[in-house]
Every structure is written in C-alpha cells, then in structure tokens.
Amino acid sequence: MLTAERAQELEKTLRHFPLLEGWEAPALLGLIERELSHAEILDGFRPYGKRKAHAIPLQPILHIVSHNTPHAALQSLVRGLLLGSHNFLKIPTAGLPEAEEFIRLLSPSLASLVHVSRSLEDSWLEKAEAVIVFGADETIETLRKKVSADCLFLPHGHSISFGIVFEDPHYSSVEAAAKDVFLYDQRGCLSPHTLYVASSLASREYARRLANALKKLCDAGCEAHSTAEAAGIFAERHYFHFLQTMRPDIEVWASEGSSDWTVIHDPNPEFRPSPLGRTVFVKPLPTELSVSLAGIHKWISGIGIWPAREEYAQIAAQLGASRICPLGKMQFPPADWHQDALPVLSQLVHWVDFEEETQG
C-alpha cells in the first residue's frame, strides 16, 4: 500500500474520533512532506537536493501507552501506520477503549499492521527498532534499562501545561478555558493546571465565571473520580478553605457533594500543581512569571494563550513551552505538531541515499 493510500484509509477511521479533528489525509501527507521532504519518499527514491533518497520506516515500533492520555496513544499509532511500519501496542491492563475501537475500525490492510496486548511481551522489546513510551518518569526509567542500545527510545514522561489570559475585557475566553480543563478529566499533558490572568483584569471575577462554565460542562455529564482521586481533590479544597479564613483574597468554588469540579482563586503567583480531576487555579499574572515557574521549568509542555497573537506567543515561548495555542485548543494538537519539542516522523526512519550516474 502506498503512502497516499494509507493516509486515505487512516482518514476514514479518524473521522470517528472528533478529538483528532484536522488529522485528515492532506494533513498527514503534509506532515510527511515537511519532515521527510517529499510526500512519496516512503514509496521509493524521490528527489532530495541534487540526489535521490528513500526513507525506510523503523519497524516494528513498540508503543507503550497510558490510560490517562488515549489521544496521545492514537496519535502515536497513527504515525506508525502512516509510515507503513508494523506496530506493537501495549495498552494498560484495564484496557484502553479508544485505542481498541480505533483498531476495530481500521481497514484490514492497516489492522494487520497492529498487534495489541495488555501485557508487555519480552519478545516485543527484543524485536522493536523503536520504543515510544507514555507514562510516569519512574516507568520510563525502568523501561529505558530494558531497551537495547541500538534501539531508538522516545520517552514522553511527566509534563505540565497552563494558560495565560493577556487581554480579555469581556471574559470571552472563559468557556474555552473551561473546555481545556474539562477534556480528558484534566489528566492529559496538555491539560492546564493554572490560568494566569493579567493584572489589568479581575482575576477573581474570571475565576467565578470559570467556575460557572465548568459547572455547566459537568452538569451535562462528566467522569466520576476514584476514591483516591476524590480524596486528593477534597484535601486541596479543605486546605484552601483553611487559608481563606486568614486571607480573604482566596476563594474556592466547588461542586456540592462531589469532586466533579473545583476552581480556586489564589493570588500567590507561585505555580502549584493541581490534583487534577477538573481542579484549576486562577492567579493574577505576575510581572516575572518565569520566577513563579522556576520549579517546573523543565516539565512545561503547552501554554494556552488569549488572545493568540504572536507578541504574546513570544512571551510564552521564553517560559519554556514547546506548544503555544489559543485557549480552547490545548487538547487539539495538529497532526504536524512537534510533540515534546521534537519532530514526530523523521526520527522513525532510516535513510538510503542514491547518487545517479551523470551523463557526459
């Protein structure tokens, strides 16, 4: 099957997954052209400067994915299939419904390139030419020791995202920000923990409106938390309720009788990781945000900004982000995004160069 045919077949399946909107065949082929120089370079020798080259995919590719980021699992698998590689997919022991449904919907020719297991097969580690891992840093370090030195190892570990509202006198970004917090139960690496609101705006009023927007989303239906998750959320609420007795500028809005959603207005600019589960902090934007982020600088992944103008993107870029996008789009990375600041296809091929005989 040629590259263009694989892209078309993938598009048919991707239509069933709204959270991968924008991953149509032209976008997938555009990704190949940008990273590998030619949309057909996987099919044979194609022009490459003054010579020709052929990109040959590493295979098999082993994808080890986690339960909290099903969209990342699908993105990784789509890339492997787009390249034409055989793919081993290790899903969590409890399963990963989105990935399993995706594979069920694939055409037979593409489905034959995927092997799924809920346990990690030793033979998979031995055979894989590339291992892509999503998970906790501890899990990644354990797996790194099991991978041979000649195998490509691509880890995607712990990362943190947040949002910055630079201008918004009419609070137009509130519903978009709530959407980013709500999706994936805030468990994804692109889910915002905190929203920093420019001092020219009323951060407390922004928090109140954000709470109303989250309530509406959760009232329409949201995932229940485990006992441990709920306990962490309630502990965070209690802590800030206690602080509120001494600092009236702190305020907590929360779902009654459940852990469904929580918004905490806290003027302390220092970044504080959220316990997740749709728990988000709203803070005034400090003059030196980089100082407040010093403790998490190496883990910063995405920053959602409002408005999404280049002047503000330049500020966000200096903070360490690898992806900057409008609020409301944090969970919808395009097909050609540089995940964790790296190209996503060019690492997964090896090259064959061909210099033709010249006449004369």
Protein backbone atom coordinates (compact mmCIF):
# COMPACT_ATOMS: atom_id res chain seq x y z
CA MET A 1 0.00 0.00 0.00
CA LEU A 2 1.38 3.39 -0.98
CA THR A 3 1.67 6.30 1.45
CA ALA A 4 -1.25 8.24 -0.04
CA GLU A 5 -3.46 5.14 0.20
CA ARG A 6 -2.55 4.65 3.86
CA ALA A 7 -3.38 8.30 4.56
CA GLN A 8 -6.78 7.93 2.90
CA GLU A 9 -7.55 4.75 4.85
CA LEU A 10 -6.49 6.40 8.11
CA GLU A 11 -8.75 9.37 7.41
CA LYS A 12 -11.78 7.06 7.18
CA THR A 13 -11.09 5.79 10.69
CA LEU A 14 -10.09 9.15 12.15
CA ARG A 15 -13.49 10.60 11.20
CA HIS A 16 -14.94 8.65 14.12
CA PHE A 17 -12.68 10.46 16.61
CA PRO A 18 -13.61 14.16 16.94
CA LEU A 19 -10.68 14.85 19.26
CA LEU A 20 -8.37 14.17 16.30
CA GLU A 21 -10.15 16.69 14.13
CA GLY A 22 -7.81 18.07 11.49
CA TRP A 23 -5.92 14.80 11.01
CA GLU A 24 -7.30 14.26 7.50
CA ALA A 25 -5.26 12.73 4.67
CA PRO A 26 -3.92 16.07 3.34
CA ALA A 27 -2.66 16.97 6.81
CA LEU A 28 -0.98 13.58 7.21
CA LEU A 29 0.69 13.83 3.81
CA GLY A 30 1.71 17.39 4.60
CA LEU A 31 3.38 16.12 7.76
CA ILE A 32 5.43 13.66 5.71
CA GLU A 33 6.40 16.31 3.19
CA ARG A 34 7.52 18.75 5.89
CA GLU A 35 9.51 16.24 7.92
CA LEU A 36 10.78 13.92 5.19
CA SER A 37 10.99 16.41 2.27
CA HIS A 38 8.65 14.55 -0.13
CA ALA A 39 5.17 13.08 0.33
CA GLU A 40 6.14 9.91 -1.57
CA ILE A 41 9.63 9.38 -0.17
CA LEU A 42 8.45 6.31 1.77
CA ASP A 43 7.38 4.69 -1.52
CA GLY A 44 10.78 4.75 -3.22
CA PHE A 45 13.61 7.04 -4.29
CA ARG A 46 12.50 10.64 -4.67
CA PRO A 47 14.35 13.92 -5.32
CA TYR A 48 16.37 15.09 -2.32
CA GLY A 49 18.51 18.07 -3.19
CA LYS A 50 20.86 17.08 -6.03
CA ARG A 51 20.41 13.37 -5.41
CA LYS A 52 17.59 11.00 -4.53
CA ALA A 53 16.70 9.43 -1.22
CA HIS A 54 14.36 6.80 0.17
CA ALA A 55 13.05 6.90 3.74
CA ILE A 56 12.53 3.43 5.19
CA PRO A 57 10.50 3.20 8.42
CA LEU A 58 11.89 1.58 11.51
CA GLN A 59 9.91 -1.50 12.41
CA PRO A 60 8.42 -2.83 14.38
CA ILE A 61 7.58 0.19 16.52
CA LEU A 62 6.56 -0.55 20.09
CA HIS A 63 4.10 1.93 21.60
CA ILE A 64 3.65 1.71 25.38
CA VAL A 65 0.71 3.95 26.30
CA SER A 66 -1.01 5.07 29.49
CA HIS A 67 -4.66 5.20 30.48
CA ASN A 68 -4.81 8.96 31.04
CA THR A 69 -3.85 10.03 27.51
CA PRO A 70 -5.81 7.97 24.95
CA HIS A 71 -5.46 10.76 22.39
CA ALA A 72 -1.65 10.52 22.64
CA ALA A 73 -1.87 6.76 22.12
CA LEU A 74 -3.92 7.24 18.97
CA GLN A 75 -1.59 9.92 17.62
CA SER A 76 1.44 7.68 18.12
CA LEU A 77 -0.24 4.71 16.47
CA VAL A 78 -1.45 6.82 13.52
CA ARG A 79 2.13 7.94 12.86
CA GLY A 80 3.39 4.38 12.88
CA LEU A 81 0.67 3.29 10.47
CA LEU A 82 1.23 6.30 8.23
CA LEU A 83 4.87 5.27 7.89
CA GLY A 84 3.78 1.74 6.99
CA SER A 85 5.50 0.14 9.98
CA HIS A 86 4.35 -2.88 11.93
CA ASN A 87 3.22 -1.71 15.36
CA PHE A 88 3.14 -3.35 18.77
CA LEU A 89 0.67 -1.55 21.06
CA LYS A 90 0.93 -2.22 24.78
CA ILE A 91 -2.20 -0.81 26.43
CA PRO A 92 -2.96 -0.63 30.19
CA THR A 93 -4.07 -3.83 31.90
CA ALA A 94 -7.55 -2.34 32.32
CA GLY A 95 -7.71 -1.71 28.58
CA LEU A 96 -7.91 1.47 26.53
CA PRO A 97 -11.35 1.63 24.85
CA GLU A 98 -10.46 4.44 22.45
CA ALA A 99 -7.45 2.59 21.06
CA GLU A 100 -9.28 -0.71 20.84
CA GLU A 101 -12.18 0.93 18.99
CA PHE A 102 -9.76 2.68 16.64
CA ILE A 103 -8.12 -0.62 15.70
CA ARG A 104 -11.53 -2.27 15.22
CA LEU A 105 -12.46 0.42 12.69
CA LEU A 106 -9.25 0.17 10.67
CA SER A 107 -9.30 -1.38 7.22
CA PRO A 108 -8.00 -4.98 7.19
CA SER A 109 -4.75 -3.94 5.48
CA LEU A 110 -3.93 -1.43 8.24
CA ALA A 111 -5.29 -3.55 11.09
CA SER A 112 -2.86 -6.28 10.06
CA LEU A 113 -0.01 -3.91 10.97
CA VAL A 114 -1.13 -3.66 14.61
CA HIS A 115 -0.70 -6.16 17.43
CA VAL A 116 -2.24 -5.31 20.81
CA SER A 117 -1.55 -6.68 24.26
CA ARG A 118 -2.36 -5.67 27.84
CA SER A 119 0.94 -7.10 29.00
CA LEU A 120 4.41 -6.23 27.76
CA GLU A 121 5.79 -9.12 25.75
CA ASP A 122 9.52 -9.68 26.20
CA SER A 123 9.75 -10.58 22.51
CA TRP A 124 8.38 -7.16 21.61
CA LEU A 125 11.23 -5.41 23.40
CA GLU A 126 13.71 -7.67 21.64
CA LYS A 127 12.27 -7.12 18.16
CA ALA A 128 11.40 -3.42 18.28
CA GLU A 129 13.60 -0.96 16.39
CA ALA A 130 11.86 1.94 18.14
CA VAL A 131 10.14 2.15 21.52
CA ILE A 132 7.77 5.04 22.27
CA VAL A 133 6.68 5.31 25.90
CA PHE A 134 4.00 7.42 27.55
CA GLY A 135 3.91 7.28 31.33
CA ALA A 136 5.34 8.32 34.65
CA ASP A 137 9.03 9.19 34.83
CA GLU A 138 9.67 6.14 37.03
CA THR A 139 8.06 3.82 34.47
CA ILE A 140 10.13 5.36 31.69
CA GLU A 141 13.40 4.88 33.56
CA THR A 142 12.56 1.23 34.24
CA LEU A 143 11.83 0.59 30.57
CA ARG A 144 14.90 2.50 29.39
CA LYS A 145 17.09 -0.09 31.12
CA LYS A 146 15.36 -2.91 29.24
CA VAL A 147 15.84 -1.43 25.78
CA SER A 148 18.96 -2.34 23.82
CA ALA A 149 21.47 0.38 22.97
CA ASP A 150 20.77 0.12 19.23
CA CYS A 151 17.01 0.67 19.68
CA LEU A 152 15.53 4.16 19.36
CA PHE A 153 13.92 5.13 22.69
CA LEU A 154 11.42 8.01 22.68
CA PRO A 155 10.02 8.81 26.14
CA HIS A 156 7.05 11.05 26.88
CA GLY A 157 7.01 11.50 30.62
CA HIS A 158 5.61 13.91 33.16
CA SER A 159 4.77 17.35 31.78
CA ILE A 160 2.73 20.36 32.85
CA SER A 161 0.64 22.91 30.98
CA PHE A 162 -1.13 26.13 31.91
CA GLY A 163 -2.88 29.13 30.39
CA ILE A 164 -2.28 32.88 30.27
CA VAL A 165 -5.00 35.46 29.66
CA PHE A 166 -3.19 38.61 28.50
CA GLU A 167 -6.30 40.53 27.41
CA ASP A 168 -9.97 39.73 27.77
CA PRO A 169 -12.11 42.63 28.99
CA HIS A 170 -15.32 40.77 28.10
CA TYR A 171 -14.28 37.36 29.54
CA SER A 172 -14.64 35.82 26.08
CA SER A 173 -12.06 33.13 26.86
CA VAL A 174 -13.82 31.64 29.88
CA GLU A 175 -15.73 28.89 28.09
CA ALA A 176 -12.67 27.99 26.01
CA ALA A 177 -10.54 27.69 29.15
CA ALA A 178 -13.21 25.57 30.85
CA LYS A 179 -13.19 23.21 27.85
CA ASP A 180 -9.43 22.74 28.14
CA VAL A 181 -9.76 21.88 31.85
CA PHE A 182 -12.75 19.59 31.30
CA LEU A 183 -11.46 17.37 28.49
CA TYR A 184 -9.74 14.11 29.49
CA ASP A 185 -10.69 14.88 33.10
CA GLN A 186 -7.64 17.20 33.11
CA ARG A 187 -5.30 14.18 33.03
CA GLY A 188 -3.50 14.94 29.78
CA CYS A 189 -0.09 16.54 29.50
CA LEU A 190 -1.76 19.45 27.66
CA SER A 191 -4.40 20.00 30.35
CA PRO A 192 -3.99 23.34 32.16
CA HIS A 193 -3.32 23.28 35.91
CA THR A 194 -3.45 27.06 36.30
CA LEU A 195 -4.74 30.11 34.47
CA TYR A 196 -2.76 33.31 34.94
CA VAL A 197 -4.91 36.38 34.35
CA ALA A 198 -3.37 39.78 33.50
CA SER A 199 -3.44 42.27 36.36
CA SER A 200 -5.50 44.66 34.24
CA LEU A 201 -8.35 42.15 34.50
CA ALA A 202 -10.28 40.99 37.55
CA SER A 203 -8.81 37.54 38.20
CA ARG A 204 -11.34 36.82 40.92
CA GLU A 205 -14.26 37.58 38.59
CA TYR A 206 -12.58 35.44 35.93
CA ALA A 207 -12.41 32.56 38.42
CA ARG A 208 -16.09 32.95 39.29
CA ARG A 209 -17.11 32.83 35.65
CA LEU A 210 -14.81 29.87 35.00
CA ALA A 211 -16.49 28.02 37.86
CA ASN A 212 -19.90 28.60 36.27
CA ALA A 213 -18.62 27.36 32.91
CA LEU A 214 -17.13 24.19 34.44
CA LYS A 215 -20.36 23.56 36.34
CA LYS A 216 -22.34 23.66 33.09
CA LEU A 217 -19.98 21.20 31.43
CA CYS A 218 -20.09 18.80 34.37
CA ASP A 219 -23.86 19.08 34.76
CA ALA A 220 -24.13 17.78 31.20
CA GLY A 221 -22.09 14.74 32.23
CA CYS A 222 -18.57 14.06 33.44
CA GLU A 223 -16.40 11.16 34.51
CA ALA A 224 -16.62 10.14 38.17
CA HIS A 225 -13.42 10.13 40.19
CA SER A 226 -11.97 7.18 42.04
CA THR A 227 -11.94 7.26 45.83
CA ALA A 228 -8.26 8.21 45.86
CA GLU A 229 -8.73 10.96 43.26
CA ALA A 230 -11.69 12.41 45.12
CA ALA A 231 -9.75 12.33 48.39
CA GLY A 232 -6.94 14.37 46.84
CA ILE A 233 -9.39 16.94 45.48
CA PHE A 234 -11.24 17.28 48.80
CA ALA A 235 -7.92 17.66 50.63
CA GLU A 236 -6.95 20.51 48.30
CA ARG A 237 -10.31 22.19 48.85
CA HIS A 238 -10.02 21.89 52.63
CA TYR A 239 -6.52 23.34 52.60
CA PHE A 240 -7.61 26.43 50.69
CA HIS A 241 -10.77 26.80 52.77
CA PHE A 242 -8.46 26.96 55.77
CA LEU A 243 -6.22 29.56 54.10
CA GLN A 244 -9.32 31.55 53.24
CA THR A 245 -10.01 32.14 56.92
CA MET A 246 -6.76 34.12 57.08
CA ARG A 247 -6.65 35.53 53.56
CA PRO A 248 -9.94 36.84 52.17
CA ASP A 249 -8.40 37.23 48.70
CA ILE A 250 -8.52 33.44 48.39
CA GLU A 251 -11.81 31.96 47.23
CA VAL A 252 -12.97 28.45 46.40
CA TRP A 253 -15.82 27.47 44.11
CA ALA A 254 -16.66 23.76 44.02
CA SER A 255 -19.33 21.26 43.09
CA GLU A 256 -21.60 20.47 46.01
CA GLY A 257 -21.47 16.95 47.36
CA SER A 258 -19.00 15.73 44.74
CA SER A 259 -15.47 16.21 43.45
CA ASP A 260 -16.69 17.00 39.93
CA TRP A 261 -15.08 20.43 39.57
CA THR A 262 -13.11 22.96 41.62
CA VAL A 263 -11.87 26.47 40.88
CA ILE A 264 -9.50 28.14 43.34
CA HIS A 265 -8.60 31.81 43.18
CA ASP A 266 -5.18 32.21 44.77
CA PRO A 267 -3.18 35.47 44.49
CA ASN A 268 0.08 33.64 45.27
CA PRO A 269 1.84 33.64 41.86
CA GLU A 270 3.95 30.54 42.52
CA PHE A 271 2.85 27.62 40.37
CA ARG A 272 1.10 24.88 42.33
CA PRO A 273 0.33 21.57 40.59
CA SER A 274 -3.35 20.75 40.53
CA PRO A 275 -4.64 17.46 41.98
CA LEU A 276 -6.37 17.23 38.57
CA GLY A 277 -9.91 15.94 38.21
CA ARG A 278 -11.07 19.32 36.84
CA THR A 279 -9.40 21.30 39.63
CA VAL A 280 -7.85 24.52 38.36
CA PHE A 281 -6.16 27.54 39.94
CA VAL A 282 -6.71 31.10 38.78
CA LYS A 283 -3.95 33.56 39.67
CA PRO A 284 -3.10 37.15 38.77
CA LEU A 285 -0.34 37.27 36.16
CA PRO A 286 2.87 38.38 37.90
CA THR A 287 5.42 40.70 36.33
CA GLU A 288 8.09 37.99 36.44
CA LEU A 289 6.17 34.81 35.65
CA SER A 290 9.40 32.92 34.92
CA VAL A 291 10.33 33.23 38.61
CA SER A 292 6.99 31.71 39.65
CA LEU A 293 7.54 28.83 37.21
CA ALA A 294 11.16 28.11 38.15
CA GLY A 295 10.28 24.88 39.95
CA ILE A 296 8.53 23.35 36.92
CA HIS A 297 10.51 24.85 34.02
CA LYS A 298 11.84 21.54 32.69
CA TRP A 299 8.35 19.98 32.64
CA ILE A 300 6.46 22.76 30.84
CA SER A 301 4.72 21.40 27.74
CA GLY A 302 1.92 23.61 26.46
CA ILE A 303 0.67 27.12 27.14
CA GLY A 304 -2.78 28.22 26.06
CA ILE A 305 -2.96 31.98 25.50
CA TRP A 306 -5.67 34.56 24.95
CA PRO A 307 -5.66 36.34 22.62
CA ALA A 308 -3.45 34.12 20.46
CA ARG A 309 -1.27 36.83 18.96
CA GLU A 310 2.39 36.46 18.08
CA GLU A 311 3.51 39.16 20.51
CA TYR A 312 2.07 37.09 23.35
CA ALA A 313 3.35 33.82 21.87
CA GLN A 314 6.87 35.28 22.02
CA ILE A 315 6.43 35.88 25.75
CA ALA A 316 5.12 32.34 26.29
CA ALA A 317 7.99 30.87 24.27
CA GLN A 318 10.51 32.38 26.68
CA LEU A 319 8.87 30.43 29.52
CA GLY A 320 9.87 27.03 28.10
CA ALA A 321 6.76 25.89 26.24
CA SER A 322 7.07 23.64 23.20
CA ARG A 323 3.47 24.28 22.09
CA ILE A 324 1.56 27.56 22.26
CA CYS A 325 -2.04 27.77 21.07
CA PRO A 326 -5.33 29.58 21.72
CA LEU A 327 -7.22 28.68 24.88
CA GLY A 328 -9.86 26.14 23.94
CA LYS A 329 -7.45 24.36 21.56
CA MET A 330 -4.96 22.99 24.08
CA GLN A 331 -6.28 19.44 23.71
CA PHE A 332 -6.35 19.52 19.90
CA PRO A 333 -2.75 19.48 18.64
CA PRO A 334 -2.43 19.37 14.83
CA ALA A 335 -1.04 16.36 13.02
CA ASP A 336 2.31 18.04 12.45
CA TRP A 337 2.95 19.39 15.95
CA HIS A 338 6.39 18.89 17.45
CA GLN A 339 5.46 16.71 20.40
CA ASP A 340 7.74 17.47 23.35
CA ALA A 341 9.60 19.88 21.04
CA LEU A 342 10.74 17.10 18.67
CA PRO A 343 9.81 16.01 15.13
CA VAL A 344 7.47 13.02 15.20
CA LEU A 345 8.32 11.16 11.98
CA SER A 346 11.91 11.88 10.98
CA GLN A 347 13.27 10.01 13.98
CA LEU A 348 11.34 6.89 12.96
CA VAL A 349 13.02 6.28 9.60
CA HIS A 350 16.45 5.48 8.28
CA TRP A 351 17.68 6.88 5.03
CA VAL A 352 19.08 5.44 1.83
CA ASP A 353 20.79 7.97 -0.48
CA PHE A 354 21.23 7.41 -4.20
CA GLU A 355 23.56 9.40 -6.47
CA GLU A 356 22.65 8.74 -10.10
CA GLU A 357 25.26 8.31 -12.80
CA THR A 358 25.70 11.55 -14.67
CA GLN A 359 25.96 11.65 -18.43
CA GLY A 360 28.88 13.30 -20.10
